[in-house]
Amino acid sequence: MMFLILFLVMAAGILYLGFRTAFVFQAKPYIFILLYTVILFFAFGMMMAGMKMKSLGPVMHVLYVLGNVFVGVLLYQLLSFIVVDIISLFAHFSPKMFGLIAFLATLSVSMCAIIIAATPRTKTTDIKVGNLQSPVRVVHLTDLHLGHYRGKRNLEKIVRITNEQSPDLVVITGDLFESEYNLNESTLSPLKDIKAPVYFVDGNHDIYTNDSKVKRLVADAGARVLENEMVEECGIQIIGLDYMDADNNSTEDVVPHESKTQTIRNTMPKFVIDSAKPSIVLHHSPIGGRFIAEAGAGLFLAGHTHGGQMFPLTIINNYLFEFNRGLYEKYGMQVYVSCGTGTFGPPMRFGTTSEIAVLNLLPAGNR
């Protein structure tokens, strides 16, 4: 049903773009409908194929980048046409003026979105944690999506900003990579410069890429990879979960593991969480919160949603995810979902920022 709805929305968008572009150029719409259809199929084809594009060389890399950019630009061209159409109800525009205004709006928003996505910013949040003995500063990184757009230089910038926060602890909650492009030891070497203990759990894109290799490279760079394990750091019980569904009936995520017997629901009871100590659960996607809370966890950190990444998905995401972005309190537990520092698909953000989450964990007394 979701795919059918998506297809119908895309078809309607292509028809609208075709007819409005034909109006601007005073031409027959079928030419532009065909053109937009070809561009969109090319763009989505490149987006899907790019996850395994390392061996196809620089030409395919460029095509992948262009394809993803086209998706973002087409979205904002569609929205620009709609806005100018609404304005034209009150002010008459000639076809050329209509096209010029829409073109400038599309260009301006697209350029701003690219710049915003390429500029990581810190977001500081204070979180009161029960049974915490002293303040702990945690930098939460997620969804870096290293690959076709981001590599060693981008990670160096993120590590520099991370160290500037003087963290006691750094956690990375998955989707470190988005493709095999740039998947090598050199790309991850900046992780060695982080001046705090680093813990990592995988995400769906790490699995799509090469999960075992990602984990090996992360471990070689000095981070601790948690695979359904619990450790103690800074007086906090840290539980790191592999990427998995919430339960066997989950419709929120499609897990690419060979076996789907592993779920949050049947994995969390395996951990003996000391209720007298603070605890943090790390999982890539903010799902299964009820099961995590039932196991006795006090704080759940995740990513995956990108906060919607680009308007209007920033609004739609609120209806797709129980926890979309920011801090929540539910099931007697606190949940923090980061928008992530990277992007998926178009290298654009509009309505969100490329976030480096700085979490100040503060003592809140006994729970």
Protein backbone atom coordinates (compact mmCIF):
# COMPACT_ATOMS: atom_id res chain seq x y z
CA MET A 1 0.00 0.00 0.00
CA MET A 2 2.84 2.39 0.88
CA PHE A 3 4.55 1.74 -2.45
CA LEU A 4 1.27 2.28 -4.29
CA ILE A 5 0.71 5.60 -2.53
CA LEU A 6 4.30 6.65 -3.26
CA PHE A 7 3.89 5.71 -6.93
CA LEU A 8 0.66 7.69 -7.25
CA VAL A 9 2.19 10.74 -5.57
CA MET A 10 5.22 10.59 -7.89
CA ALA A 11 3.00 10.17 -10.96
CA ALA A 12 0.88 13.15 -9.93
CA GLY A 13 4.02 15.20 -9.33
CA ILE A 14 5.46 14.35 -12.75
CA LEU A 15 2.19 15.28 -14.47
CA TYR A 16 2.01 18.58 -12.60
CA LEU A 17 5.64 19.43 -13.37
CA GLY A 18 5.11 18.54 -17.03
CA PHE A 19 2.04 20.72 -17.46
CA ARG A 20 3.48 23.72 -15.59
CA THR A 21 6.80 23.53 -17.47
CA ALA A 22 4.85 23.31 -20.73
CA PHE A 23 2.98 26.45 -19.66
CA VAL A 24 6.27 28.28 -19.08
CA PHE A 25 7.67 27.33 -22.48
CA GLN A 26 4.31 27.39 -24.27
CA ALA A 27 4.88 23.87 -25.54
CA LYS A 28 3.11 20.51 -25.50
CA PRO A 29 3.18 18.89 -22.03
CA TYR A 30 3.87 15.30 -23.09
CA ILE A 31 7.49 16.24 -23.98
CA PHE A 32 8.18 17.45 -20.46
CA ILE A 33 6.22 14.64 -18.81
CA LEU A 34 8.45 12.17 -20.65
CA LEU A 35 11.58 14.18 -19.74
CA TYR A 36 10.72 14.31 -16.02
CA THR A 37 9.86 10.61 -16.03
CA VAL A 38 13.26 9.73 -17.53
CA ILE A 39 15.10 12.02 -15.09
CA LEU A 40 13.27 10.60 -12.08
CA PHE A 41 13.80 6.96 -13.07
CA PHE A 42 17.47 7.70 -13.74
CA ALA A 43 17.82 9.50 -10.40
CA PHE A 44 16.20 6.73 -8.34
CA GLY A 45 18.07 4.08 -10.30
CA MET A 46 21.38 5.73 -9.48
CA MET A 47 20.34 6.17 -5.85
CA MET A 48 19.64 2.46 -5.41
CA ALA A 49 22.60 1.23 -7.46
CA GLY A 50 25.07 3.58 -5.75
CA MET A 51 25.18 1.50 -2.57
CA LYS A 52 27.36 -1.05 -4.41
CA MET A 53 29.09 1.27 -6.87
CA LYS A 54 32.70 1.25 -5.67
CA SER A 55 33.95 -1.03 -8.43
CA LEU A 56 32.19 0.83 -11.24
CA GLY A 57 34.63 3.72 -11.37
CA PRO A 58 34.53 7.54 -11.34
CA VAL A 59 31.98 7.90 -14.15
CA MET A 60 29.30 5.97 -12.27
CA HIS A 61 30.25 7.84 -9.09
CA VAL A 62 29.49 11.15 -10.85
CA LEU A 63 26.22 9.76 -12.22
CA TYR A 64 25.23 8.65 -8.72
CA VAL A 65 25.92 12.12 -7.31
CA LEU A 66 23.98 13.80 -10.13
CA GLY A 67 21.07 11.40 -9.75
CA ASN A 68 20.70 12.14 -6.06
CA VAL A 69 20.98 15.89 -6.57
CA PHE A 70 18.28 15.69 -9.26
CA VAL A 71 15.88 14.09 -6.77
CA GLY A 72 16.28 17.01 -4.37
CA VAL A 73 16.10 19.66 -7.07
CA LEU A 74 12.95 18.11 -8.58
CA LEU A 75 11.29 18.11 -5.16
CA TYR A 76 11.95 21.82 -4.70
CA GLN A 77 11.03 22.60 -8.28
CA LEU A 78 7.67 20.94 -7.61
CA LEU A 79 7.18 22.92 -4.40
CA SER A 80 8.29 26.15 -6.10
CA PHE A 81 5.74 25.66 -8.88
CA ILE A 82 3.02 25.03 -6.29
CA VAL A 83 3.91 28.17 -4.32
CA VAL A 84 4.08 30.36 -7.43
CA ASP A 85 0.78 28.85 -8.59
CA ILE A 86 -0.84 29.89 -5.30
CA ILE A 87 0.63 33.38 -5.51
CA SER A 88 -0.59 33.72 -9.09
CA LEU A 89 -4.15 33.45 -7.78
CA PHE A 90 -3.67 36.98 -6.48
CA ALA A 91 -1.07 38.34 -8.91
CA HIS A 92 -1.08 37.55 -12.62
CA PHE A 93 2.21 36.26 -14.03
CA SER A 94 3.15 35.82 -17.64
CA PRO A 95 4.50 32.38 -18.51
CA LYS A 96 8.08 33.71 -18.60
CA MET A 97 7.74 35.49 -15.25
CA PHE A 98 6.12 32.39 -13.72
CA GLY A 99 9.05 30.29 -14.89
CA LEU A 100 11.68 32.81 -13.76
CA ILE A 101 10.29 33.09 -10.23
CA ALA A 102 9.97 29.33 -9.90
CA PHE A 103 13.49 28.77 -11.28
CA LEU A 104 15.06 31.28 -8.87
CA ALA A 105 13.16 29.79 -5.93
CA THR A 106 14.25 26.25 -6.87
CA LEU A 107 17.88 27.32 -7.28
CA SER A 108 17.95 29.30 -4.03
CA VAL A 109 16.38 26.59 -1.88
CA SER A 110 18.48 23.82 -3.46
CA MET A 111 21.75 25.72 -2.89
CA CYS A 112 20.80 26.55 0.69
CA ALA A 113 19.88 22.90 1.31
CA ILE A 114 23.26 21.71 0.01
CA ILE A 115 25.14 24.22 2.18
CA ILE A 116 23.12 23.33 5.30
CA ALA A 117 23.78 19.62 4.78
CA ALA A 118 27.52 20.22 4.39
CA THR A 119 27.75 22.26 7.61
CA PRO A 120 27.56 20.09 10.76
CA ARG A 121 26.39 21.90 13.88
CA THR A 122 26.29 20.96 17.54
CA LYS A 123 22.99 20.65 19.34
CA THR A 124 23.27 20.60 23.13
CA THR A 125 20.58 18.98 25.26
CA ASP A 126 20.49 18.55 29.05
CA ILE A 127 19.06 15.22 30.20
CA LYS A 128 18.45 14.36 33.85
CA VAL A 129 19.36 10.75 34.53
CA GLY A 130 18.36 8.84 37.63
CA ASN A 131 21.12 7.33 39.82
CA LEU A 132 23.86 9.15 37.92
CA GLN A 133 26.60 10.06 40.40
CA SER A 134 28.18 12.97 38.50
CA PRO A 135 27.61 14.82 35.20
CA VAL A 136 28.65 12.99 32.03
CA ARG A 137 28.97 14.66 28.64
CA VAL A 138 28.11 12.36 25.73
CA VAL A 139 28.59 13.19 22.06
CA HIS A 140 26.07 11.21 20.04
CA LEU A 141 26.98 10.71 16.37
CA THR A 142 24.75 8.88 13.95
CA ASP A 143 23.98 8.56 10.23
CA LEU A 144 27.31 9.91 9.01
CA HIS A 145 26.68 8.11 5.70
CA LEU A 146 30.31 8.12 4.63
CA GLY A 147 30.61 7.16 0.99
CA HIS A 148 30.00 9.03 -2.23
CA TYR A 149 29.67 12.50 -0.67
CA ARG A 150 31.63 12.21 2.55
CA GLY A 151 34.99 10.70 3.32
CA LYS A 152 38.07 11.23 5.47
CA ARG A 153 37.99 15.04 5.32
CA ASN A 154 34.38 15.15 6.50
CA LEU A 155 35.11 12.76 9.35
CA GLU A 156 38.12 14.87 10.37
CA LYS A 157 35.80 17.88 10.72
CA ILE A 158 33.31 15.88 12.80
CA VAL A 159 36.09 14.55 15.05
CA ARG A 160 37.48 18.07 15.54
CA ILE A 161 34.07 19.41 16.56
CA THR A 162 33.54 16.38 18.79
CA ASN A 163 36.82 16.92 20.65
CA GLU A 164 35.97 20.61 21.11
CA GLN A 165 33.02 19.50 23.25
CA SER A 166 35.37 17.73 25.71
CA PRO A 167 33.17 14.62 25.88
CA ASP A 168 33.48 11.90 28.49
CA LEU A 169 31.97 9.42 26.08
CA VAL A 170 31.22 9.18 22.33
CA VAL A 171 28.59 6.87 20.87
CA ILE A 172 27.95 6.19 17.17
CA THR A 173 24.54 4.67 16.49
CA GLY A 174 24.87 3.27 12.99
CA ASP A 175 24.78 4.13 9.31
CA LEU A 176 28.44 5.09 9.48
CA PHE A 177 28.68 4.15 5.79
CA GLU A 178 26.16 4.29 2.95
CA SER A 179 28.19 2.46 0.29
CA GLU A 180 31.50 0.72 -0.33
CA TYR A 181 32.82 3.93 -1.89
CA ASN A 182 35.40 5.27 0.62
CA LEU A 183 35.03 2.14 2.77
CA ASN A 184 38.67 1.79 3.79
CA GLU A 185 41.05 2.18 6.71
CA SER A 186 42.17 5.67 5.69
CA THR A 187 38.62 7.05 5.76
CA LEU A 188 38.13 5.97 9.37
CA SER A 189 41.60 6.89 10.63
CA PRO A 190 40.32 10.18 12.19
CA LEU A 191 38.35 8.11 14.73
CA LYS A 192 41.69 7.37 16.40
CA ASP A 193 41.93 11.06 17.32
CA ILE A 194 38.76 11.15 19.41
CA LYS A 195 39.79 11.94 22.98
CA ALA A 196 37.19 9.80 24.73
CA PRO A 197 35.99 6.19 24.73
CA VAL A 198 34.00 5.44 21.55
CA TYR A 199 31.21 2.86 21.21
CA PHE A 200 29.58 1.80 17.94
CA VAL A 201 26.49 -0.13 16.86
CA ASP A 202 25.60 -0.83 13.25
CA GLY A 203 22.72 0.48 11.13
CA ASN A 204 20.80 -0.74 8.10
CA HIS A 205 23.12 0.99 5.62
CA ASP A 206 26.19 -0.55 7.24
CA ILE A 207 24.52 -3.91 6.61
CA TYR A 208 23.64 -3.01 3.01
CA THR A 209 27.27 -1.99 2.50
CA ASN A 210 29.42 -4.64 4.20
CA ASP A 211 28.63 -5.01 7.89
CA SER A 212 31.55 -7.22 8.86
CA LYS A 213 34.07 -4.95 7.12
CA VAL A 214 32.56 -1.80 8.65
CA LYS A 215 32.78 -3.31 12.13
CA ARG A 216 36.35 -4.50 11.56
CA LEU A 217 37.50 -1.08 10.36
CA VAL A 218 35.74 0.65 13.25
CA ALA A 219 37.43 -1.67 15.74
CA ASP A 220 40.81 -1.15 14.05
CA ALA A 221 40.28 2.61 14.47
CA GLY A 222 40.06 2.15 18.23
CA ALA A 223 36.30 2.15 18.83
CA ARG A 224 34.46 -0.58 20.74
CA VAL A 225 31.90 -2.37 18.57
CA LEU A 226 28.92 -3.56 20.61
CA GLU A 227 27.04 -6.57 19.23
CA ASN A 228 24.21 -7.18 21.68
CA GLU A 229 26.58 -6.51 24.56
CA MET A 230 26.53 -4.53 27.80
CA VAL A 231 29.54 -2.68 29.17
CA GLU A 232 30.04 -0.09 31.88
CA GLU A 233 31.62 3.30 31.19
CA CYS A 234 31.57 6.49 33.28
CA GLY A 235 29.42 4.64 35.80
CA ILE A 236 26.77 4.00 33.12
CA GLN A 237 25.56 0.63 31.84
CA ILE A 238 25.77 0.87 28.05
CA ILE A 239 23.84 -1.69 26.01
CA GLY A 240 24.61 -1.83 22.30
CA LEU A 241 22.14 -3.62 20.04
CA ASP A 242 22.67 -4.93 16.53
CA TYR A 243 20.28 -3.45 13.99
CA MET A 244 17.03 -5.42 14.29
CA ASP A 245 13.24 -5.17 14.18
CA ALA A 246 11.22 -4.28 17.25
CA ASP A 247 9.46 -7.65 17.21
CA ASN A 248 8.39 -10.36 14.80
CA ASN A 249 5.25 -8.41 13.86
CA SER A 250 7.09 -5.16 13.21
CA THR A 251 6.06 -3.13 10.18
CA GLU A 252 8.36 -0.20 10.93
CA ASP A 253 11.57 -1.54 9.41
CA VAL A 254 12.63 -4.19 6.94
CA VAL A 255 15.70 -5.86 8.43
CA PRO A 256 18.19 -7.12 5.82
CA HIS A 257 19.60 -9.83 8.08
CA GLU A 258 19.47 -13.42 6.90
CA SER A 259 17.55 -14.32 10.03
CA LYS A 260 14.78 -12.25 11.59
CA THR A 261 14.59 -14.26 14.80
CA GLN A 262 16.59 -11.57 16.59
CA THR A 263 14.36 -8.70 17.72
CA ILE A 264 14.47 -6.01 20.38
CA ARG A 265 11.60 -7.73 22.15
CA ASN A 266 13.42 -11.03 22.61
CA THR A 267 16.93 -9.59 22.97
CA MET A 268 16.46 -7.01 25.74
CA PRO A 269 15.39 -9.55 28.44
CA LYS A 270 18.81 -11.19 28.09
CA PHE A 271 20.45 -8.21 29.76
CA VAL A 272 20.44 -7.94 33.54
CA ILE A 273 20.21 -4.19 34.07
CA ASP A 274 21.09 -2.97 37.57
CA SER A 275 18.28 -0.55 38.49
CA ALA A 276 20.60 1.16 40.98
CA LYS A 277 22.81 2.37 38.12
CA PRO A 278 22.03 4.57 35.09
CA SER A 279 21.68 2.80 31.76
CA ILE A 280 21.78 3.75 28.07
CA VAL A 281 20.61 1.60 25.17
CA LEU A 282 22.09 2.21 21.72
CA HIS A 283 20.16 1.09 18.65
CA HIS A 284 20.20 2.61 15.19
CA SER A 285 16.45 2.99 14.74
CA PRO A 286 14.17 4.51 17.42
CA ILE A 287 11.84 1.49 17.50
CA GLY A 288 10.96 -1.00 20.21
CA GLY A 289 10.96 1.67 22.90
CA ARG A 290 8.35 -0.17 24.97
CA PHE A 291 10.47 -3.33 25.08
CA ILE A 292 13.61 -1.38 25.96
CA ALA A 293 11.79 0.38 28.80
CA GLU A 294 10.32 -2.89 30.10
CA ALA A 295 13.88 -4.24 30.42
CA GLY A 296 14.67 -1.40 32.82
CA ALA A 297 16.64 1.04 30.62
CA GLY A 298 16.54 4.71 31.51
CA LEU A 299 17.79 6.33 28.27
CA PHE A 300 17.53 5.21 24.64
CA LEU A 301 19.73 6.83 21.95
CA ALA A 302 19.02 6.35 18.23
CA GLY A 303 19.13 7.95 14.79
CA HIS A 304 17.88 6.59 11.45
CA THR A 305 15.04 9.08 10.85
CA HIS A 306 17.24 12.04 9.80
CA GLY A 307 14.41 14.08 11.29
CA GLY A 308 12.89 13.89 7.81
CA GLN A 309 16.02 15.59 6.38
CA MET A 310 14.14 17.76 3.86
CA PHE A 311 10.85 19.65 4.07
CA PRO A 312 8.07 18.47 3.72
CA LEU A 313 9.40 15.05 4.84
CA THR A 314 10.23 16.76 8.14
CA ILE A 315 6.49 16.93 8.76
CA ILE A 316 5.57 13.55 7.27
CA ASN A 317 8.16 11.79 9.43
CA ASN A 318 6.25 12.78 12.58
CA TYR A 319 3.51 10.41 11.44
CA LEU A 320 5.87 7.63 10.34
CA PHE A 321 7.93 7.34 13.52
CA GLU A 322 6.91 7.19 17.17
CA PHE A 323 10.11 9.14 17.91
CA ASN A 324 11.30 11.37 15.05
CA ARG A 325 13.86 13.82 16.42
CA GLY A 326 14.88 15.39 19.70
CA LEU A 327 14.14 14.38 23.28
CA TYR A 328 11.06 12.41 24.34
CA GLU A 329 9.84 10.85 27.58
CA LYS A 330 7.62 7.80 27.24
CA TYR A 331 7.17 4.39 28.87
CA GLY A 332 8.96 5.77 31.94
CA MET A 333 12.13 6.19 29.85
CA GLN A 334 13.81 9.03 27.98
CA VAL A 335 14.53 8.77 24.25
CA TYR A 336 16.84 10.98 22.22
CA VAL A 337 16.77 10.75 18.43
CA SER A 338 19.45 12.64 16.53
CA CYS A 339 18.84 14.03 13.03
CA GLY A 340 22.29 12.71 12.12
CA THR A 341 25.35 14.35 10.66
CA GLY A 342 25.04 13.01 7.12
CA THR A 343 22.33 12.60 4.50
CA PHE A 344 20.70 9.82 2.52
CA GLY A 345 19.89 10.39 -1.14
CA PRO A 346 20.14 14.09 -1.99
CA PRO A 347 23.06 15.75 -0.17
CA MET A 348 20.58 18.32 1.10
CA ARG A 349 18.86 19.40 4.30
CA PHE A 350 16.04 21.87 4.60
CA GLY A 351 14.16 22.13 7.86
CA THR A 352 16.85 20.10 9.68
CA THR A 353 20.57 20.47 10.32
CA SER A 354 23.51 18.06 10.13
CA GLU A 355 23.56 17.43 13.85
CA ILE A 356 26.33 16.56 16.28
CA ALA A 357 24.32 15.88 19.43
CA VAL A 358 25.96 16.94 22.69
CA LEU A 359 24.08 15.37 25.59
CA ASN A 360 24.80 16.68 29.08
CA LEU A 361 23.69 13.87 31.38
CA LEU A 362 22.93 15.36 34.80
CA PRO A 363 22.26 13.60 38.11
CA ALA A 364 18.56 13.47 38.94
CA GLY A 365 18.72 11.54 42.23
CA ASN A 366 17.43 8.04 42.77
CA ARG A 367 14.56 6.94 40.58
